[in-house]
Amino acid sequence: MKILAGLIRRQLQLEANDFGHCAVYEKELQRVWPITEENRKAKIAEFGKKHGFQLIYYKQGLCAIFVEDSTGHDIRTR
């Protein structure tokens, strides 16, 4: 999980614009959370929270999108 967190953090740093985000696609998500895992979205969101990210979008079978959680506010309300 540390590797995944590092990859997300690096991508967010590279996307230094107002809409900086990082999409993690299903192939990578399945390495940590099998698609059949119960409460998968909640576990992915908790992972993000622990590593300083906010999960702003999740679609099973497609991707999870994270943004940096430096303010504690939902990015969609800006």
PDB file of N, CA and C in Angstrom:
ATOM      1  N   MET A   1       0.811  -1.195   0.000  1.00  0.00           N
ATOM      2  CA  MET A   1       0.000   0.000   0.000  1.00  0.00           C
ATOM      3  C   MET A   1       0.859   1.266   0.000  1.00  0.00           C
ATOM      4  N   LYS A   2       2.036   1.179   0.600  1.00  0.00           N
ATOM      5  CA  LYS A   2       2.931   2.335   0.604  1.00  0.00           C
ATOM      6  C   LYS A   2       3.356   2.706  -0.809  1.00  0.00           C
ATOM      7  N   ILE A   3       3.550   1.703  -1.644  1.00  0.00           N
ATOM      8  CA  ILE A   3       3.939   1.953  -3.030  1.00  0.00           C
ATOM      9  C   ILE A   3       2.811   2.681  -3.759  1.00  0.00           C
ATOM     10  N   LEU A   4       1.588   2.212  -3.572  1.00  0.00           N
ATOM     11  CA  LEU A   4       0.441   2.854  -4.206  1.00  0.00           C
ATOM     12  C   LEU A   4       0.295   4.297  -3.717  1.00  0.00           C
ATOM     13  N   ALA A   5       0.439   4.518  -2.422  1.00  0.00           N
ATOM     14  CA  ALA A   5       0.348   5.873  -1.879  1.00  0.00           C
ATOM     15  C   ALA A   5       1.431   6.769  -2.477  1.00  0.00           C
ATOM     16  N   GLY A   6       2.627   6.246  -2.638  1.00  0.00           N
ATOM     17  CA  GLY A   6       3.716   7.010  -3.234  1.00  0.00           C
ATOM     18  C   GLY A   6       3.442   7.368  -4.681  1.00  0.00           C
ATOM     19  N   LEU A   7       2.868   6.426  -5.420  1.00  0.00           N
ATOM     20  CA  LEU A   7       2.526   6.692  -6.823  1.00  0.00           C
ATOM     21  C   LEU A   7       1.454   7.776  -6.931  1.00  0.00           C
ATOM     22  N   ILE A   8       0.452   7.716  -6.059  1.00  0.00           N
ATOM     23  CA  ILE A   8      -0.602   8.733  -6.070  1.00  0.00           C
ATOM     24  C   ILE A   8      -0.017  10.094  -5.721  1.00  0.00           C
ATOM     25  N   ARG A   9       0.787  10.142  -4.682  1.00  0.00           N
ATOM     26  CA  ARG A   9       1.399  11.406  -4.259  1.00  0.00           C
ATOM     27  C   ARG A   9       2.247  12.011  -5.388  1.00  0.00           C
ATOM     28  N   ARG A  10       3.018  11.188  -6.050  1.00  0.00           N
ATOM     29  CA  ARG A  10       3.862  11.676  -7.152  1.00  0.00           C
ATOM     30  C   ARG A  10       3.008  12.218  -8.294  1.00  0.00           C
ATOM     31  N   GLN A  11       1.952  11.504  -8.638  1.00  0.00           N
ATOM     32  CA  GLN A  11       1.075  11.959  -9.717  1.00  0.00           C
ATOM     33  C   GLN A  11       0.407  13.282  -9.353  1.00  0.00           C
ATOM     34  N   LEU A  12      -0.002  13.429  -8.108  1.00  0.00           N
ATOM     35  CA  LEU A  12      -0.622  14.682  -7.681  1.00  0.00           C
ATOM     36  C   LEU A  12       0.369  15.837  -7.752  1.00  0.00           C
ATOM     37  N   GLN A  13       1.621  15.588  -7.451  1.00  0.00           N
ATOM     38  CA  GLN A  13       2.637  16.631  -7.535  1.00  0.00           C
ATOM     39  C   GLN A  13       2.894  17.027  -8.983  1.00  0.00           C
ATOM     40  N   LEU A  14       2.818  16.070  -9.888  1.00  0.00           N
ATOM     41  CA  LEU A  14       3.024  16.357 -11.302  1.00  0.00           C
ATOM     42  C   LEU A  14       1.847  17.139 -11.887  1.00  0.00           C
ATOM     43  N   GLU A  15       0.670  16.921 -11.346  1.00  0.00           N
ATOM     44  CA  GLU A  15      -0.537  17.608 -11.813  1.00  0.00           C
ATOM     45  C   GLU A  15      -0.737  18.881 -10.997  1.00  0.00           C
ATOM     46  N   ALA A  16       0.187  19.802 -11.088  1.00  0.00           N
ATOM     47  CA  ALA A  16       0.155  21.021 -10.277  1.00  0.00           C
ATOM     48  C   ALA A  16      -0.745  22.078 -10.912  1.00  0.00           C
ATOM     49  N   ASN A  17      -2.021  21.776 -11.021  1.00  0.00           N
ATOM     50  CA  ASN A  17      -2.983  22.753 -11.510  1.00  0.00           C
ATOM     51  C   ASN A  17      -4.189  22.763 -10.581  1.00  0.00           C
ATOM     52  N   ASP A  18      -5.182  23.583 -10.874  1.00  0.00           N
ATOM     53  CA  ASP A  18      -6.358  23.702 -10.005  1.00  0.00           C
ATOM     54  C   ASP A  18      -7.155  22.414  -9.897  1.00  0.00           C
ATOM     55  N   PHE A  19      -7.068  21.561 -10.902  1.00  0.00           N
ATOM     56  CA  PHE A  19      -7.850  20.340 -10.905  1.00  0.00           C
ATOM     57  C   PHE A  19      -6.967  19.107 -10.779  1.00  0.00           C
ATOM     58  N   GLY A  20      -5.860  19.218 -10.073  1.00  0.00           N
ATOM     59  CA  GLY A  20      -4.938  18.109  -9.916  1.00  0.00           C
ATOM     60  C   GLY A  20      -5.605  16.913  -9.261  1.00  0.00           C
ATOM     61  N   HIS A  21      -5.551  15.785  -9.913  1.00  0.00           N
ATOM     62  CA  HIS A  21      -6.121  14.561  -9.376  1.00  0.00           C
ATOM     63  C   HIS A  21      -5.312  13.374  -9.884  1.00  0.00           C
ATOM     64  N   CYS A  22      -5.569  12.242  -9.289  1.00  0.00           N
ATOM     65  CA  CYS A  22      -4.900  11.018  -9.712  1.00  0.00           C
ATOM     66  C   CYS A  22      -5.939   9.920  -9.849  1.00  0.00           C
ATOM     67  N   ALA A  23      -6.017   9.325 -11.013  1.00  0.00           N
ATOM     68  CA  ALA A  23      -6.920   8.199 -11.242  1.00  0.00           C
ATOM     69  C   ALA A  23      -6.130   6.898 -11.090  1.00  0.00           C
ATOM     70  N   VAL A  24      -6.671   6.001 -10.286  1.00  0.00           N
ATOM     71  CA  VAL A  24      -6.092   4.670 -10.113  1.00  0.00           C
ATOM     72  C   VAL A  24      -7.096   3.703 -10.736  1.00  0.00           C
ATOM     73  N   TYR A  25      -6.654   3.015 -11.763  1.00  0.00           N
ATOM     74  CA  TYR A  25      -7.567   2.173 -12.531  1.00  0.00           C
ATOM     75  C   TYR A  25      -7.703   0.774 -11.923  1.00  0.00           C
ATOM     76  N   GLU A  26      -8.759   0.098 -12.366  1.00  0.00           N
ATOM     77  CA  GLU A  26      -9.154  -1.174 -11.767  1.00  0.00           C
ATOM     78  C   GLU A  26      -8.021  -2.190 -11.671  1.00  0.00           C
ATOM     79  N   LYS A  27      -7.186  -2.273 -12.668  1.00  0.00           N
ATOM     80  CA  LYS A  27      -6.083  -3.241 -12.644  1.00  0.00           C
ATOM     81  C   LYS A  27      -5.205  -3.037 -11.408  1.00  0.00           C
ATOM     82  N   GLU A  28      -4.905  -1.771 -11.084  1.00  0.00           N
ATOM     83  CA  GLU A  28      -4.089  -1.480  -9.902  1.00  0.00           C
ATOM     84  C   GLU A  28      -4.880  -1.659  -8.614  1.00  0.00           C
ATOM     85  N   LEU A  29      -6.163  -1.281  -8.618  1.00  0.00           N
ATOM     86  CA  LEU A  29      -6.997  -1.427  -7.420  1.00  0.00           C
ATOM     87  C   LEU A  29      -7.115  -2.888  -7.006  1.00  0.00           C
ATOM     88  N   GLN A  30      -7.246  -3.783  -7.986  1.00  0.00           N
ATOM     89  CA  GLN A  30      -7.425  -5.204  -7.684  1.00  0.00           C
ATOM     90  C   GLN A  30      -6.205  -5.830  -7.031  1.00  0.00           C
ATOM     91  N   ARG A  31      -5.057  -5.214  -7.187  1.00  0.00           N
ATOM     92  CA  ARG A  31      -3.852  -5.742  -6.532  1.00  0.00           C
ATOM     93  C   ARG A  31      -3.950  -5.645  -5.016  1.00  0.00           C
ATOM     94  N   VAL A  32      -4.694  -4.648  -4.541  1.00  0.00           N
ATOM     95  CA  VAL A  32      -4.822  -4.426  -3.101  1.00  0.00           C
ATOM     96  C   VAL A  32      -6.205  -4.839  -2.593  1.00  0.00           C
ATOM     97  N   TRP A  33      -7.237  -4.488  -3.346  1.00  0.00           N
ATOM     98  CA  TRP A  33      -8.614  -4.775  -2.956  1.00  0.00           C
ATOM     99  C   TRP A  33      -9.297  -5.567  -4.064  1.00  0.00           C
ATOM    100  N   PRO A  34      -9.488  -6.880  -3.869  1.00  0.00           N
ATOM    101  CA  PRO A  34     -10.178  -7.690  -4.887  1.00  0.00           C
ATOM    102  C   PRO A  34     -11.558  -7.095  -5.192  1.00  0.00           C
ATOM    103  N   ILE A  35     -11.997  -7.216  -6.415  1.00  0.00           N
ATOM    104  CA  ILE A  35     -13.253  -6.601  -6.841  1.00  0.00           C
ATOM    105  C   ILE A  35     -14.455  -7.139  -6.069  1.00  0.00           C
ATOM    106  N   THR A  36     -14.350  -8.339  -5.511  1.00  0.00           N
ATOM    107  CA  THR A  36     -15.448  -8.947  -4.754  1.00  0.00           C
ATOM    108  C   THR A  36     -15.406  -8.610  -3.267  1.00  0.00           C
ATOM    109  N   GLU A  37     -14.427  -7.829  -2.848  1.00  0.00           N
ATOM    110  CA  GLU A  37     -14.268  -7.505  -1.432  1.00  0.00           C
ATOM    111  C   GLU A  37     -15.439  -6.660  -0.927  1.00  0.00           C
ATOM    112  N   GLU A  38     -15.943  -7.025   0.257  1.00  0.00           N
ATOM    113  CA  GLU A  38     -17.033  -6.266   0.860  1.00  0.00           C
ATOM    114  C   GLU A  38     -16.538  -4.904   1.319  1.00  0.00           C
ATOM    115  N   ASN A  39     -17.408  -3.913   1.230  1.00  0.00           N
ATOM    116  CA  ASN A  39     -17.091  -2.544   1.656  1.00  0.00           C
ATOM    117  C   ASN A  39     -15.843  -2.002   0.957  1.00  0.00           C
ATOM    118  N   ARG A  40     -15.666  -2.359  -0.266  1.00  0.00           N
ATOM    119  CA  ARG A  40     -14.458  -1.986  -1.013  1.00  0.00           C
ATOM    120  C   ARG A  40     -14.286  -0.473  -1.117  1.00  0.00           C
ATOM    121  N   LYS A  41     -15.344   0.224  -1.469  1.00  0.00           N
ATOM    122  CA  LYS A  41     -15.258   1.682  -1.617  1.00  0.00           C
ATOM    123  C   LYS A  41     -14.834   2.323  -0.297  1.00  0.00           C
ATOM    124  N   ALA A  42     -15.409   1.887   0.800  1.00  0.00           N
ATOM    125  CA  ALA A  42     -15.066   2.437   2.111  1.00  0.00           C
ATOM    126  C   ALA A  42     -13.608   2.159   2.458  1.00  0.00           C
ATOM    127  N   LYS A  43     -13.120   0.988   2.112  1.00  0.00           N
ATOM    128  CA  LYS A  43     -11.726   0.645   2.385  1.00  0.00           C
ATOM    129  C   LYS A  43     -10.768   1.488   1.542  1.00  0.00           C
ATOM    130  N   ILE A  44     -11.139   1.732   0.298  1.00  0.00           N
ATOM    131  CA  ILE A  44     -10.317   2.572  -0.571  1.00  0.00           C
ATOM    132  C   ILE A  44     -10.310   4.004  -0.049  1.00  0.00           C
ATOM    133  N   ALA A  45     -11.464   4.496   0.378  1.00  0.00           N
ATOM    134  CA  ALA A  45     -11.556   5.850   0.938  1.00  0.00           C
ATOM    135  C   ALA A  45     -10.732   5.962   2.214  1.00  0.00           C
ATOM    136  N   GLU A  46     -10.777   4.946   3.060  1.00  0.00           N
ATOM    137  CA  GLU A  46      -9.997   4.954   4.301  1.00  0.00           C
ATOM    138  C   GLU A  46      -8.499   4.951   4.005  1.00  0.00           C
ATOM    139  N   PHE A  47      -8.090   4.174   3.008  1.00  0.00           N
ATOM    140  CA  PHE A  47      -6.699   4.180   2.567  1.00  0.00           C
ATOM    141  C   PHE A  47      -6.280   5.593   2.185  1.00  0.00           C
ATOM    142  N   GLY A  48      -7.100   6.248   1.383  1.00  0.00           N
ATOM    143  CA  GLY A  48      -6.799   7.611   0.969  1.00  0.00           C
ATOM    144  C   GLY A  48      -6.669   8.551   2.155  1.00  0.00           C
ATOM    145  N   LYS A  49      -7.604   8.457   3.066  1.00  0.00           N
ATOM    146  CA  LYS A  49      -7.591   9.321   4.251  1.00  0.00           C
ATOM    147  C   LYS A  49      -6.319   9.124   5.072  1.00  0.00           C
ATOM    148  N   LYS A  50      -5.908   7.889   5.247  1.00  0.00           N
ATOM    149  CA  LYS A  50      -4.702   7.587   6.015  1.00  0.00           C
ATOM    150  C   LYS A  50      -3.441   8.147   5.370  1.00  0.00           C
ATOM    151  N   HIS A  51      -3.480   8.316   4.045  1.00  0.00           N
ATOM    152  CA  HIS A  51      -2.298   8.772   3.320  1.00  0.00           C
ATOM    153  C   HIS A  51      -2.403  10.220   2.849  1.00  0.00           C
ATOM    154  N   GLY A  52      -3.421  10.952   3.317  1.00  0.00           N
ATOM    155  CA  GLY A  52      -3.545  12.371   2.996  1.00  0.00           C
ATOM    156  C   GLY A  52      -4.232  12.671   1.679  1.00  0.00           C
ATOM    157  N   PHE A  53      -5.061  11.727   1.199  1.00  0.00           N
ATOM    158  CA  PHE A  53      -5.806  11.922  -0.036  1.00  0.00           C
ATOM    159  C   PHE A  53      -7.292  11.860   0.258  1.00  0.00           C
ATOM    160  N   GLN A  54      -8.069  12.369  -0.662  1.00  0.00           N
ATOM    161  CA  GLN A  54      -9.519  12.264  -0.556  1.00  0.00           C
ATOM    162  C   GLN A  54     -10.028  11.541  -1.788  1.00  0.00           C
ATOM    163  N   LEU A  55     -10.834  10.526  -1.584  1.00  0.00           N
ATOM    164  CA  LEU A  55     -11.464   9.808  -2.689  1.00  0.00           C
ATOM    165  C   LEU A  55     -12.649  10.647  -3.146  1.00  0.00           C
ATOM    166  N   ILE A  56     -12.599  11.153  -4.373  1.00  0.00           N
ATOM    167  CA  ILE A  56     -13.698  11.991  -4.855  1.00  0.00           C
ATOM    168  C   ILE A  56     -14.583  11.275  -5.865  1.00  0.00           C
ATOM    169  N   TYR A  57     -14.110  10.161  -6.413  1.00  0.00           N
ATOM    170  CA  TYR A  57     -14.911   9.406  -7.371  1.00  0.00           C
ATOM    171  C   TYR A  57     -14.484   7.950  -7.317  1.00  0.00           C
ATOM    172  N   TYR A  58     -15.486   7.069  -7.368  1.00  0.00           N
ATOM    173  CA  TYR A  58     -15.203   5.641  -7.418  1.00  0.00           C
ATOM    174  C   TYR A  58     -16.270   4.977  -8.275  1.00  0.00           C
ATOM    175  N   LYS A  59     -15.845   4.174  -9.201  1.00  0.00           N
ATOM    176  CA  LYS A  59     -16.743   3.370 -10.026  1.00  0.00           C
ATOM    177  C   LYS A  59     -16.147   1.979 -10.108  1.00  0.00           C
ATOM    178  N   GLN A  60     -16.847   1.014  -9.508  1.00  0.00           N
ATOM    179  CA  GLN A  60     -16.344  -0.351  -9.512  1.00  0.00           C
ATOM    180  C   GLN A  60     -16.158  -0.834 -10.945  1.00  0.00           C
ATOM    181  N   GLY A  61     -15.000  -1.436 -11.186  1.00  0.00           N
ATOM    182  CA  GLY A  61     -14.682  -1.932 -12.515  1.00  0.00           C
ATOM    183  C   GLY A  61     -14.001  -0.900 -13.395  1.00  0.00           C
ATOM    184  N   LEU A  62     -13.911   0.355 -12.918  1.00  0.00           N
ATOM    185  CA  LEU A  62     -13.298   1.406 -13.717  1.00  0.00           C
ATOM    186  C   LEU A  62     -12.117   2.052 -12.999  1.00  0.00           C
ATOM    187  N   CYS A  63     -12.381   2.870 -11.970  1.00  0.00           N
ATOM    188  CA  CYS A  63     -11.276   3.573 -11.321  1.00  0.00           C
ATOM    189  C   CYS A  63     -11.708   4.218 -10.008  1.00  0.00           C
ATOM    190  N   ALA A  64     -10.707   4.708  -9.309  1.00  0.00           N
ATOM    191  CA  ALA A  64     -10.886   5.552  -8.131  1.00  0.00           C
ATOM    192  C   ALA A  64     -10.076   6.814  -8.397  1.00  0.00           C
ATOM    193  N   ILE A  65     -10.656   7.969  -8.094  1.00  0.00           N
ATOM    194  CA  ILE A  65      -9.959   9.229  -8.315  1.00  0.00           C
ATOM    195  C   ILE A  65      -9.719   9.892  -6.974  1.00  0.00           C
ATOM    196  N   PHE A  66      -8.450  10.263  -6.763  1.00  0.00           N
ATOM    197  CA  PHE A  66      -8.026  10.893  -5.520  1.00  0.00           C
ATOM    198  C   PHE A  66      -7.535  12.307  -5.779  1.00  0.00           C
ATOM    199  N   VAL A  67      -7.718  13.168  -4.774  1.00  0.00           N
ATOM    200  CA  VAL A  67      -7.109  14.491  -4.756  1.00  0.00           C
ATOM    201  C   VAL A  67      -6.385  14.621  -3.425  1.00  0.00           C
ATOM    202  N   GLU A  68      -5.499  15.577  -3.339  1.00  0.00           N
ATOM    203  CA  GLU A  68      -4.781  15.814  -2.097  1.00  0.00           C
ATOM    204  C   GLU A  68      -5.741  16.413  -1.091  1.00  0.00           C
ATOM    205  N   ASP A  69      -5.754  15.897   0.118  1.00  0.00           N
ATOM    206  CA  ASP A  69      -6.666  16.356   1.159  1.00  0.00           C
ATOM    207  C   ASP A  69      -5.918  17.268   2.120  1.00  0.00           C
ATOM    208  N   SER A  70      -5.556  18.441   1.665  1.00  0.00           N
ATOM    209  CA  SER A  70      -4.803  19.370   2.508  1.00  0.00           C
ATOM    210  C   SER A  70      -5.717  20.305   3.283  1.00  0.00           C
ATOM    211  N   THR A  71      -6.950  20.503   2.834  1.00  0.00           N
ATOM    212  CA  THR A  71      -7.848  21.426   3.489  1.00  0.00           C
ATOM    213  C   THR A  71      -8.918  20.730   4.310  1.00  0.00           C
ATOM    214  N   GLY A  72      -9.200  19.484   3.983  1.00  0.00           N
ATOM    215  CA  GLY A  72     -10.273  18.781   4.668  1.00  0.00           C
ATOM    216  C   GLY A  72     -11.637  19.088   4.080  1.00  0.00           C
ATOM    217  N   HIS A  73     -11.694  19.900   3.013  1.00  0.00           N
ATOM    218  CA  HIS A  73     -12.956  20.230   2.363  1.00  0.00           C
ATOM    219  C   HIS A  73     -13.143  19.384   1.121  1.00  0.00           C
ATOM    220  N   ASP A  74     -14.394  19.145   0.777  1.00  0.00           N
ATOM    221  CA  ASP A  74     -14.707  18.397  -0.424  1.00  0.00           C
ATOM    222  C   ASP A  74     -14.383  19.254  -1.636  1.00  0.00           C
ATOM    223  N   ILE A  75     -13.556  18.772  -2.516  1.00  0.00           N
ATOM    224  CA  ILE A  75     -13.111  19.513  -3.700  1.00  0.00           C
ATOM    225  C   ILE A  75     -14.288  19.894  -4.603  1.00  0.00           C
ATOM    226  N   ARG A  76     -15.358  19.109  -4.592  1.00  0.00           N
ATOM    227  CA  ARG A  76     -16.494  19.361  -5.482  1.00  0.00           C
ATOM    228  C   ARG A  76     -17.306  20.577  -5.060  1.00  0.00           C
ATOM    229  N   THR A  77     -17.111  21.090  -3.841  1.00  0.00           N
ATOM    230  CA  THR A  77     -17.881  22.238  -3.385  1.00  0.00           C
ATOM    231  C   THR A  77     -17.212  23.550  -3.738  1.00  0.00           C
ATOM    232  N   ARG A  78     -16.031  23.530  -4.314  1.00  0.00           N
ATOM    233  CA  ARG A  78     -15.318  24.758  -4.662  1.00  0.00           C
ATOM    234  C   ARG A  78     -15.868  25.369  -5.922  1.00  0.00           C
TER     235      ARG A  78
END
